[in-house]
């Protein structure tokens, strides 16, 4: 399994749009791995996890032919992870599209897609049969569901993120005896998720580290650096990590005030790597 990090930032990207803070100014000055787009992942050649507002630039920079994408797994409906408007370009008149794709997403994400579709160029879209015209096959994904998608087996876990109106998800992705956990946009999991993850043996773990300096006991919605280490340690205690498993932190906000080089200095003694746009992980 080949996994590429397409984006490693939180909602506002880094440097954040319009931001004048010192962390954004320093990221602009240093460049390189400090330039972070909104978080998303590309698996092998035909699968995306999340489909956010940076997908056009991500696909161009990292050589993704979006016509080859057969399935998209959405973690939740927040705008930095799901940009329905970018699917609307699949309609006849905007693009020549011959191959369908399957969208695995929770009900709130589909609600957003339909709401934005009804308001998008109303005169042009007045007769749209939304998903059919976009050649998108609907699959509602909820925690606990496992699906086979091409060569991949994908299981949804309940994330600790968002509000009562929506259940965000993390994903375990398996192929040929290898398994990767995509675990951004979550705080400390509830007990049922910890119990569910015990069934897996993980080769790759990607963990949320949105607010680097957040106190370790503050674990709601997102994690800080010390809480991320605690998640890794808990996975190890449960016997979920294979020997030599790669543990990578990702999904950083500029509000964390810590640039790539300093993040590496912190996590290196813990045996954890720091994600960046374009990072390729082989499992």
C-alpha atoms as a PDB file:
ATOM      1  CA  UNK A   1       0.000   0.000   0.000  1.00  0.00           C
ATOM      2  CA  UNK A   2       1.276   3.429  -0.970  1.00  0.00           C
ATOM      3  CA  UNK A   3      -0.120   6.411   0.922  1.00  0.00           C
ATOM      4  CA  UNK A   4       0.642  10.033   0.038  1.00  0.00           C
ATOM      5  CA  UNK A   5      -0.129  12.944   2.349  1.00  0.00           C
ATOM      6  CA  UNK A   6      -1.661  15.556   0.053  1.00  0.00           C
ATOM      7  CA  UNK A   7      -2.170  18.113   2.799  1.00  0.00           C
ATOM      8  CA  UNK A   8      -1.048  18.460   6.391  1.00  0.00           C
ATOM      9  CA  UNK A   9      -2.819  21.583   7.682  1.00  0.00           C
ATOM     10  CA  UNK A  10      -5.975  22.289   9.609  1.00  0.00           C
ATOM     11  CA  UNK A  11      -8.931  24.256   8.234  1.00  0.00           C
ATOM     12  CA  UNK A  12      -7.231  27.576   7.482  1.00  0.00           C
ATOM     13  CA  UNK A  13      -4.107  26.076   5.834  1.00  0.00           C
ATOM     14  CA  UNK A  14      -0.625  27.256   6.805  1.00  0.00           C
ATOM     15  CA  UNK A  15       0.237  30.031   6.136  1.00  0.00           C
ATOM     16  CA  UNK A  16      -3.385  30.739   6.950  1.00  0.00           C
ATOM     17  CA  UNK A  17      -5.382  32.795   4.504  1.00  0.00           C
ATOM     18  CA  UNK A  18      -4.901  36.510   5.228  1.00  0.00           C
ATOM     19  CA  UNK A  19      -3.020  35.781   8.465  1.00  0.00           C
ATOM     20  CA  UNK A  20      -0.351  38.158   9.789  1.00  0.00           C
ATOM     21  CA  UNK A  21       0.748  36.065  12.784  1.00  0.00           C
ATOM     22  CA  UNK A  22       4.410  35.268  13.395  1.00  0.00           C
ATOM     23  CA  UNK A  23       3.955  31.550  12.683  1.00  0.00           C
ATOM     24  CA  UNK A  24       2.491  32.234   9.252  1.00  0.00           C
ATOM     25  CA  UNK A  25       5.121  34.858   8.437  1.00  0.00           C
ATOM     26  CA  UNK A  26       7.886  32.425   9.386  1.00  0.00           C
ATOM     27  CA  UNK A  27       6.317  29.643   7.316  1.00  0.00           C
ATOM     28  CA  UNK A  28       6.291  31.953   4.299  1.00  0.00           C
ATOM     29  CA  UNK A  29       9.928  32.839   4.930  1.00  0.00           C
ATOM     30  CA  UNK A  30      11.146  29.256   5.379  1.00  0.00           C
ATOM     31  CA  UNK A  31       8.903  27.632   2.778  1.00  0.00           C
ATOM     32  CA  UNK A  32       9.440  23.943   2.021  1.00  0.00           C
ATOM     33  CA  UNK A  33       7.660  21.599   4.402  1.00  0.00           C
ATOM     34  CA  UNK A  34       6.230  24.538   6.331  1.00  0.00           C
ATOM     35  CA  UNK A  35       3.794  25.229   3.478  1.00  0.00           C
ATOM     36  CA  UNK A  36       0.749  23.140   4.327  1.00  0.00           C
ATOM     37  CA  UNK A  37      -2.533  22.687   2.470  1.00  0.00           C
ATOM     38  CA  UNK A  38      -5.715  21.237   3.933  1.00  0.00           C
ATOM     39  CA  UNK A  39      -5.391  17.609   5.024  1.00  0.00           C
ATOM     40  CA  UNK A  40      -6.170  14.813   2.569  1.00  0.00           C
ATOM     41  CA  UNK A  41      -4.624  11.507   1.509  1.00  0.00           C
ATOM     42  CA  UNK A  42      -4.080   9.580  -1.739  1.00  0.00           C
ATOM     43  CA  UNK A  43      -3.896   5.796  -1.519  1.00  0.00           C
ATOM     44  CA  UNK A  44      -2.370   3.804  -4.358  1.00  0.00           C
ATOM     45  CA  UNK A  45      -3.695   5.421  -7.537  1.00  0.00           C
ATOM     46  CA  UNK A  46      -7.452   5.177  -7.202  1.00  0.00           C
ATOM     47  CA  UNK A  47      -8.501   6.219  -3.697  1.00  0.00           C
ATOM     48  CA  UNK A  48      -8.745   9.506  -1.817  1.00  0.00           C
ATOM     49  CA  UNK A  49      -9.461  10.087   1.847  1.00  0.00           C
ATOM     50  CA  UNK A  50     -11.093  13.511   2.073  1.00  0.00           C
ATOM     51  CA  UNK A  51     -11.720  15.857  -0.807  1.00  0.00           C
ATOM     52  CA  UNK A  52     -11.159  19.418   0.296  1.00  0.00           C
ATOM     53  CA  UNK A  53     -10.768  22.875  -1.230  1.00  0.00           C
ATOM     54  CA  UNK A  54      -7.124  22.281  -2.239  1.00  0.00           C
ATOM     55  CA  UNK A  55      -7.754  19.171  -4.351  1.00  0.00           C
ATOM     56  CA  UNK A  56      -7.030  20.932  -7.663  1.00  0.00           C
ATOM     57  CA  UNK A  57      -3.579  22.170  -6.653  1.00  0.00           C
ATOM     58  CA  UNK A  58      -2.836  18.914  -4.826  1.00  0.00           C
ATOM     59  CA  UNK A  59      -3.681  16.821  -7.867  1.00  0.00           C
ATOM     60  CA  UNK A  60      -1.510  18.967 -10.126  1.00  0.00           C
ATOM     61  CA  UNK A  61       1.502  19.043  -7.818  1.00  0.00           C
ATOM     62  CA  UNK A  62       1.485  15.361  -6.909  1.00  0.00           C
ATOM     63  CA  UNK A  63       0.537  13.907 -10.281  1.00  0.00           C
ATOM     64  CA  UNK A  64      -2.965  12.655  -9.544  1.00  0.00           C
ATOM     65  CA  UNK A  65      -5.151  11.956 -12.559  1.00  0.00           C
ATOM     66  CA  UNK A  66      -8.543  12.473 -10.937  1.00  0.00           C
ATOM     67  CA  UNK A  67     -10.149  10.480 -13.757  1.00  0.00           C
ATOM     68  CA  UNK A  68      -8.477   7.413 -12.228  1.00  0.00           C
ATOM     69  CA  UNK A  69     -10.053   7.940  -8.799  1.00  0.00           C
ATOM     70  CA  UNK A  70     -12.609   5.216  -8.166  1.00  0.00           C
ATOM     71  CA  UNK A  71     -13.549   5.989  -4.557  1.00  0.00           C
ATOM     72  CA  UNK A  72     -13.442   8.836  -2.067  1.00  0.00           C
ATOM     73  CA  UNK A  73     -13.791   8.305   1.681  1.00  0.00           C
ATOM     74  CA  UNK A  74     -14.880  11.426   3.575  1.00  0.00           C
ATOM     75  CA  UNK A  75     -14.073  11.694   7.279  1.00  0.00           C
ATOM     76  CA  UNK A  76     -16.687  14.386   7.986  1.00  0.00           C
ATOM     77  CA  UNK A  77     -18.489  17.316   6.411  1.00  0.00           C
ATOM     78  CA  UNK A  78     -16.308  20.217   7.609  1.00  0.00           C
ATOM     79  CA  UNK A  79     -15.308  22.409   4.692  1.00  0.00           C
ATOM     80  CA  UNK A  80     -11.590  21.718   4.926  1.00  0.00           C
ATOM     81  CA  UNK A  81     -12.240  17.996   4.443  1.00  0.00           C
ATOM     82  CA  UNK A  82     -15.147  17.980   2.024  1.00  0.00           C
ATOM     83  CA  UNK A  83     -15.687  20.523  -0.760  1.00  0.00           C
ATOM     84  CA  UNK A  84     -18.756  19.335  -2.701  1.00  0.00           C
ATOM     85  CA  UNK A  85     -18.383  22.077  -5.299  1.00  0.00           C
ATOM     86  CA  UNK A  86     -15.288  20.328  -6.642  1.00  0.00           C
ATOM     87  CA  UNK A  87     -17.455  17.326  -7.527  1.00  0.00           C
ATOM     88  CA  UNK A  88     -19.869  19.491  -9.506  1.00  0.00           C
ATOM     89  CA  UNK A  89     -17.284  19.923 -12.255  1.00  0.00           C
ATOM     90  CA  UNK A  90     -17.935  16.284 -13.167  1.00  0.00           C
ATOM     91  CA  UNK A  91     -21.212  17.279 -14.826  1.00  0.00           C
ATOM     92  CA  UNK A  92     -21.571  17.306 -18.599  1.00  0.00           C
ATOM     93  CA  UNK A  93     -20.705  20.747 -19.913  1.00  0.00           C
ATOM     94  CA  UNK A  94     -17.890  21.194 -17.408  1.00  0.00           C
ATOM     95  CA  UNK A  95     -15.948  17.962 -17.974  1.00  0.00           C
ATOM     96  CA  UNK A  96     -15.944  14.811 -20.073  1.00  0.00           C
ATOM     97  CA  UNK A  97     -16.434  12.057 -17.510  1.00  0.00           C
ATOM     98  CA  UNK A  98     -16.996   8.436 -18.524  1.00  0.00           C
ATOM     99  CA  UNK A  99     -16.162   6.536 -15.349  1.00  0.00           C
ATOM    100  CA  UNK A 100     -18.201   6.571 -12.137  1.00  0.00           C
ATOM    101  CA  UNK A 101     -16.766   6.979  -8.669  1.00  0.00           C
ATOM    102  CA  UNK A 102     -18.127   5.901  -5.315  1.00  0.00           C
ATOM    103  CA  UNK A 103     -18.434   8.428  -2.507  1.00  0.00           C
ATOM    104  CA  UNK A 104     -18.309   6.961   0.996  1.00  0.00           C
ATOM    105  CA  UNK A 105     -19.549   9.645   3.376  1.00  0.00           C
ATOM    106  CA  UNK A 106     -21.769  10.180   6.390  1.00  0.00           C
ATOM    107  CA  UNK A 107     -25.323  11.577   6.127  1.00  0.00           C
ATOM    108  CA  UNK A 108     -24.241  15.134   7.033  1.00  0.00           C
ATOM    109  CA  UNK A 109     -21.769  15.175   4.149  1.00  0.00           C
ATOM    110  CA  UNK A 110     -24.480  14.099   1.715  1.00  0.00           C
ATOM    111  CA  UNK A 111     -26.770  16.754   3.166  1.00  0.00           C
ATOM    112  CA  UNK A 112     -24.128  19.390   2.390  1.00  0.00           C
ATOM    113  CA  UNK A 113     -23.581  18.034  -1.101  1.00  0.00           C
ATOM    114  CA  UNK A 114     -27.269  18.225  -1.970  1.00  0.00           C
ATOM    115  CA  UNK A 115     -27.738  21.648  -0.372  1.00  0.00           C
ATOM    116  CA  UNK A 116     -24.811  23.139  -2.254  1.00  0.00           C
ATOM    117  CA  UNK A 117     -25.906  21.445  -5.466  1.00  0.00           C
ATOM    118  CA  UNK A 118     -29.339  23.051  -5.298  1.00  0.00           C
ATOM    119  CA  UNK A 119     -27.793  26.493  -4.889  1.00  0.00           C
ATOM    120  CA  UNK A 120     -24.976  26.144  -7.412  1.00  0.00           C
ATOM    121  CA  UNK A 121     -25.766  28.001 -10.660  1.00  0.00           C
ATOM    122  CA  UNK A 122     -29.517  27.422 -10.096  1.00  0.00           C
ATOM    123  CA  UNK A 123     -30.518  28.055 -13.711  1.00  0.00           C
ATOM    124  CA  UNK A 124     -27.961  25.593 -15.039  1.00  0.00           C
ATOM    125  CA  UNK A 125     -28.621  22.983 -12.365  1.00  0.00           C
ATOM    126  CA  UNK A 126     -32.413  23.286 -12.171  1.00  0.00           C
ATOM    127  CA  UNK A 127     -32.963  19.877 -13.788  1.00  0.00           C
ATOM    128  CA  UNK A 128     -30.022  18.083 -12.218  1.00  0.00           C
ATOM    129  CA  UNK A 129     -30.382  14.555 -10.938  1.00  0.00           C
ATOM    130  CA  UNK A 130     -27.456  15.347  -8.723  1.00  0.00           C
ATOM    131  CA  UNK A 131     -25.542  12.144  -8.067  1.00  0.00           C
ATOM    132  CA  UNK A 132     -26.634  10.449 -11.278  1.00  0.00           C
ATOM    133  CA  UNK A 133     -25.562  13.409 -13.414  1.00  0.00           C
ATOM    134  CA  UNK A 134     -22.239  13.590 -11.596  1.00  0.00           C
ATOM    135  CA  UNK A 135     -21.684   9.838 -12.060  1.00  0.00           C
ATOM    136  CA  UNK A 136     -21.286   9.493  -8.303  1.00  0.00           C
ATOM    137  CA  UNK A 137     -22.482   6.334  -6.560  1.00  0.00           C
ATOM    138  CA  UNK A 138     -23.788   7.010  -3.051  1.00  0.00           C
ATOM    139  CA  UNK A 139     -22.558   4.889  -0.151  1.00  0.00           C
ATOM    140  CA  UNK A 140     -23.462   6.071   3.339  1.00  0.00           C
ATOM    141  CA  UNK A 141     -20.562   5.335   5.689  1.00  0.00           C
ATOM    142  CA  UNK A 142     -20.996   5.095   9.442  1.00  0.00           C
ATOM    143  CA  UNK A 143     -18.727   3.884  12.255  1.00  0.00           C
ATOM    144  CA  UNK A 144     -18.492   0.118  12.392  1.00  0.00           C
ATOM    145  CA  UNK A 145     -19.083  -0.417   8.688  1.00  0.00           C
ATOM    146  CA  UNK A 146     -16.445  -2.250   6.646  1.00  0.00           C
ATOM    147  CA  UNK A 147     -16.421  -2.113   2.842  1.00  0.00           C
ATOM    148  CA  UNK A 148     -14.317  -3.582   0.076  1.00  0.00           C
ATOM    149  CA  UNK A 149     -13.234  -0.859  -2.348  1.00  0.00           C
ATOM    150  CA  UNK A 150     -11.078  -2.173  -5.164  1.00  0.00           C
ATOM    151  CA  UNK A 151      -8.061  -3.814  -3.566  1.00  0.00           C
ATOM    152  CA  UNK A 152      -8.723  -2.110  -0.222  1.00  0.00           C
ATOM    153  CA  UNK A 153     -10.730  -3.122   2.816  1.00  0.00           C
ATOM    154  CA  UNK A 154     -11.844  -0.023   4.726  1.00  0.00           C
ATOM    155  CA  UNK A 155     -13.356   0.133   8.210  1.00  0.00           C
ATOM    156  CA  UNK A 156     -14.844   3.276   9.748  1.00  0.00           C
ATOM    157  CA  UNK A 157     -14.165   4.145  13.394  1.00  0.00           C
ATOM    158  CA  UNK A 158     -16.039   6.746  15.432  1.00  0.00           C
ATOM    159  CA  UNK A 159     -13.865   9.831  15.869  1.00  0.00           C
ATOM    160  CA  UNK A 160     -14.218  12.248  18.787  1.00  0.00           C
ATOM    161  CA  UNK A 161     -14.826  15.416  16.799  1.00  0.00           C
ATOM    162  CA  UNK A 162     -17.594  17.838  15.911  1.00  0.00           C
ATOM    163  CA  UNK A 163     -21.026  17.996  17.527  1.00  0.00           C
ATOM    164  CA  UNK A 164     -24.140  15.921  18.081  1.00  0.00           C
ATOM    165  CA  UNK A 165     -25.359  16.675  14.558  1.00  0.00           C
ATOM    166  CA  UNK A 166     -22.646  14.590  12.934  1.00  0.00           C
ATOM    167  CA  UNK A 167     -20.470  11.556  13.602  1.00  0.00           C
ATOM    168  CA  UNK A 168     -16.983  12.145  12.237  1.00  0.00           C
ATOM    169  CA  UNK A 169     -14.940   9.098  11.288  1.00  0.00           C
ATOM    170  CA  UNK A 170     -11.421   7.768  11.253  1.00  0.00           C
ATOM    171  CA  UNK A 171     -10.520   4.940   8.893  1.00  0.00           C
ATOM    172  CA  UNK A 172      -8.475   1.754   8.994  1.00  0.00           C
ATOM    173  CA  UNK A 173      -7.385   0.768   5.495  1.00  0.00           C
ATOM    174  CA  UNK A 174      -6.111  -2.741   4.769  1.00  0.00           C
ATOM    175  CA  UNK A 175      -4.452  -4.307   1.748  1.00  0.00           C
ATOM    176  CA  UNK A 176      -2.377  -7.481   1.334  1.00  0.00           C
ATOM    177  CA  UNK A 177      -1.862  -7.971   5.057  1.00  0.00           C
ATOM    178  CA  UNK A 178      -0.925  -4.325   5.692  1.00  0.00           C
ATOM    179  CA  UNK A 179      -3.031  -1.844   7.650  1.00  0.00           C
ATOM    180  CA  UNK A 180      -2.988   1.941   8.029  1.00  0.00           C
ATOM    181  CA  UNK A 181      -4.986   4.106  10.435  1.00  0.00           C
ATOM    182  CA  UNK A 182      -5.968   7.593   9.324  1.00  0.00           C
ATOM    183  CA  UNK A 183      -6.739   9.263  12.635  1.00  0.00           C
ATOM    184  CA  UNK A 184      -6.842  13.006  12.181  1.00  0.00           C
ATOM    185  CA  UNK A 185      -9.688  15.257  13.326  1.00  0.00           C
ATOM    186  CA  UNK A 186     -10.271  13.438  16.560  1.00  0.00           C
ATOM    187  CA  UNK A 187      -9.651  13.938  20.219  1.00  0.00           C
ATOM    188  CA  UNK A 188      -9.226  11.053  22.637  1.00  0.00           C
ATOM    189  CA  UNK A 189     -11.474   8.241  21.442  1.00  0.00           C
ATOM    190  CA  UNK A 190     -14.483   7.043  23.407  1.00  0.00           C
ATOM    191  CA  UNK A 191     -14.231   3.540  24.858  1.00  0.00           C
ATOM    192  CA  UNK A 192     -16.115   1.787  22.004  1.00  0.00           C
ATOM    193  CA  UNK A 193     -13.566   3.037  19.476  1.00  0.00           C
ATOM    194  CA  UNK A 194     -10.648   1.897  21.603  1.00  0.00           C
ATOM    195  CA  UNK A 195     -12.325  -1.500  21.802  1.00  0.00           C
ATOM    196  CA  UNK A 196     -12.922  -1.604  18.047  1.00  0.00           C
ATOM    197  CA  UNK A 197      -9.342  -0.723  17.124  1.00  0.00           C
ATOM    198  CA  UNK A 198      -8.042  -3.692  19.123  1.00  0.00           C
ATOM    199  CA  UNK A 199      -8.980  -6.006  16.245  1.00  0.00           C
ATOM    200  CA  UNK A 200      -6.289  -4.504  14.005  1.00  0.00           C
ATOM    201  CA  UNK A 201      -2.525  -4.825  13.687  1.00  0.00           C
ATOM    202  CA  UNK A 202      -1.290  -1.541  12.278  1.00  0.00           C
ATOM    203  CA  UNK A 203       1.732  -0.880  10.071  1.00  0.00           C
ATOM    204  CA  UNK A 204       1.061   2.857   9.694  1.00  0.00           C
ATOM    205  CA  UNK A 205      -0.663   5.267  12.078  1.00  0.00           C
ATOM    206  CA  UNK A 206      -1.467   8.891  11.220  1.00  0.00           C
ATOM    207  CA  UNK A 207      -2.553  10.938  14.240  1.00  0.00           C
ATOM    208  CA  UNK A 208      -4.056  14.374  14.810  1.00  0.00           C
ATOM    209  CA  UNK A 209      -1.741  17.061  16.208  1.00  0.00           C
ATOM    210  CA  UNK A 210      -3.725  20.213  15.534  1.00  0.00           C
ATOM    211  CA  UNK A 211      -2.812  22.270  18.599  1.00  0.00           C
ATOM    212  CA  UNK A 212       0.782  21.430  19.432  1.00  0.00           C
ATOM    213  CA  UNK A 213       0.989  23.132  22.830  1.00  0.00           C
ATOM    214  CA  UNK A 214      -2.441  22.101  24.080  1.00  0.00           C
ATOM    215  CA  UNK A 215      -2.365  20.700  27.614  1.00  0.00           C
ATOM    216  CA  UNK A 216      -2.255  16.903  27.544  1.00  0.00           C
ATOM    217  CA  UNK A 217      -5.506  16.593  29.488  1.00  0.00           C
ATOM    218  CA  UNK A 218      -7.340  18.734  26.882  1.00  0.00           C
ATOM    219  CA  UNK A 219      -8.394  16.027  24.458  1.00  0.00           C
ATOM    220  CA  UNK A 220     -11.725  17.111  23.006  1.00  0.00           C
ATOM    221  CA  UNK A 221     -12.054  17.419  19.231  1.00  0.00           C
ATOM    222  CA  UNK A 222      -8.344  17.656  18.477  1.00  0.00           C
ATOM    223  CA  UNK A 223      -5.072  16.690  20.121  1.00  0.00           C
ATOM    224  CA  UNK A 224      -1.889  18.443  21.167  1.00  0.00           C
ATOM    225  CA  UNK A 225       1.590  16.978  20.959  1.00  0.00           C
ATOM    226  CA  UNK A 226       1.653  15.295  24.366  1.00  0.00           C
ATOM    227  CA  UNK A 227      -1.822  13.817  23.923  1.00  0.00           C
ATOM    228  CA  UNK A 228      -0.760  12.471  20.524  1.00  0.00           C
ATOM    229  CA  UNK A 229       2.147  10.673  22.187  1.00  0.00           C
ATOM    230  CA  UNK A 230      -0.339   9.307  24.735  1.00  0.00           C
ATOM    231  CA  UNK A 231      -2.514   7.916  21.921  1.00  0.00           C
ATOM    232  CA  UNK A 232       0.519   6.168  20.430  1.00  0.00           C
ATOM    233  CA  UNK A 233       1.394   4.735  23.834  1.00  0.00           C
ATOM    234  CA  UNK A 234      -2.156   3.492  24.350  1.00  0.00           C
ATOM    235  CA  UNK A 235      -2.142   1.777  20.949  1.00  0.00           C
ATOM    236  CA  UNK A 236       1.117   0.098  21.915  1.00  0.00           C
ATOM    237  CA  UNK A 237      -0.334  -1.043  25.254  1.00  0.00           C
ATOM    238  CA  UNK A 238      -3.270  -2.619  23.434  1.00  0.00           C
ATOM    239  CA  UNK A 239      -0.919  -4.545  21.139  1.00  0.00           C
ATOM    240  CA  UNK A 240      -2.283  -2.810  18.051  1.00  0.00           C
ATOM    241  CA  UNK A 241       1.068  -1.633  16.649  1.00  0.00           C
ATOM    242  CA  UNK A 242       3.147  -4.081  14.661  1.00  0.00           C
ATOM    243  CA  UNK A 243       6.895  -4.118  15.372  1.00  0.00           C
ATOM    244  CA  UNK A 244       8.420  -1.201  13.496  1.00  0.00           C
ATOM    245  CA  UNK A 245       5.066   0.478  12.875  1.00  0.00           C
ATOM    246  CA  UNK A 246       5.371   3.990  11.440  1.00  0.00           C
ATOM    247  CA  UNK A 247       3.604   6.596  13.591  1.00  0.00           C
ATOM    248  CA  UNK A 248       3.200   9.980  11.925  1.00  0.00           C
ATOM    249  CA  UNK A 249       1.590  13.151  13.270  1.00  0.00           C
ATOM    250  CA  UNK A 250      -0.413  15.330  10.902  1.00  0.00           C
ATOM    251  CA  UNK A 251      -3.119  18.025  10.625  1.00  0.00           C
ATOM    252  CA  UNK A 252      -1.421  21.114  12.086  1.00  0.00           C
ATOM    253  CA  UNK A 253      -2.913  24.527  12.808  1.00  0.00           C
ATOM    254  CA  UNK A 254      -0.796  27.668  12.673  1.00  0.00           C
ATOM    255  CA  UNK A 255      -2.283  28.317  16.113  1.00  0.00           C
ATOM    256  CA  UNK A 256       0.075  25.580  17.303  1.00  0.00           C
ATOM    257  CA  UNK A 257       2.889  28.060  16.600  1.00  0.00           C
ATOM    258  CA  UNK A 258       5.437  25.318  15.876  1.00  0.00           C
ATOM    259  CA  UNK A 259       7.052  24.912  12.471  1.00  0.00           C
ATOM    260  CA  UNK A 260       8.149  21.707  10.800  1.00  0.00           C
ATOM    261  CA  UNK A 261      11.736  21.665  11.978  1.00  0.00           C
ATOM    262  CA  UNK A 262      10.774  22.262  15.608  1.00  0.00           C
ATOM    263  CA  UNK A 263       8.034  19.636  15.384  1.00  0.00           C
ATOM    264  CA  UNK A 264      10.628  17.118  14.209  1.00  0.00           C
ATOM    265  CA  UNK A 265      12.871  17.992  17.157  1.00  0.00           C
ATOM    266  CA  UNK A 266      10.026  17.335  19.586  1.00  0.00           C
ATOM    267  CA  UNK A 267       8.768  14.075  18.110  1.00  0.00           C
ATOM    268  CA  UNK A 268      12.088  12.487  17.154  1.00  0.00           C
ATOM    269  CA  UNK A 269      12.872  11.257  20.702  1.00  0.00           C
ATOM    270  CA  UNK A 270       9.409   9.663  20.778  1.00  0.00           C
ATOM    271  CA  UNK A 271      10.100   7.712  17.592  1.00  0.00           C
ATOM    272  CA  UNK A 272       7.372   9.563  15.704  1.00  0.00           C
ATOM    273  CA  UNK A 273       7.608  11.297  12.330  1.00  0.00           C
ATOM    274  CA  UNK A 274       6.065  14.602  11.255  1.00  0.00           C
ATOM    275  CA  UNK A 275       3.822  14.693   8.205  1.00  0.00           C
ATOM    276  CA  UNK A 276       4.156  17.190   5.376  1.00  0.00           C
ATOM    277  CA  UNK A 277       2.572  17.813   1.996  1.00  0.00           C
ATOM    278  CA  UNK A 278       3.856  15.220  -0.465  1.00  0.00           C
ATOM    279  CA  UNK A 279       5.130  12.740   2.132  1.00  0.00           C
ATOM    280  CA  UNK A 280       4.965   9.197   0.715  1.00  0.00           C
ATOM    281  CA  UNK A 281       4.468   6.289   3.114  1.00  0.00           C
ATOM    282  CA  UNK A 282       4.919   2.684   2.031  1.00  0.00           C
ATOM    283  CA  UNK A 283       3.243   0.001   4.138  1.00  0.00           C
END
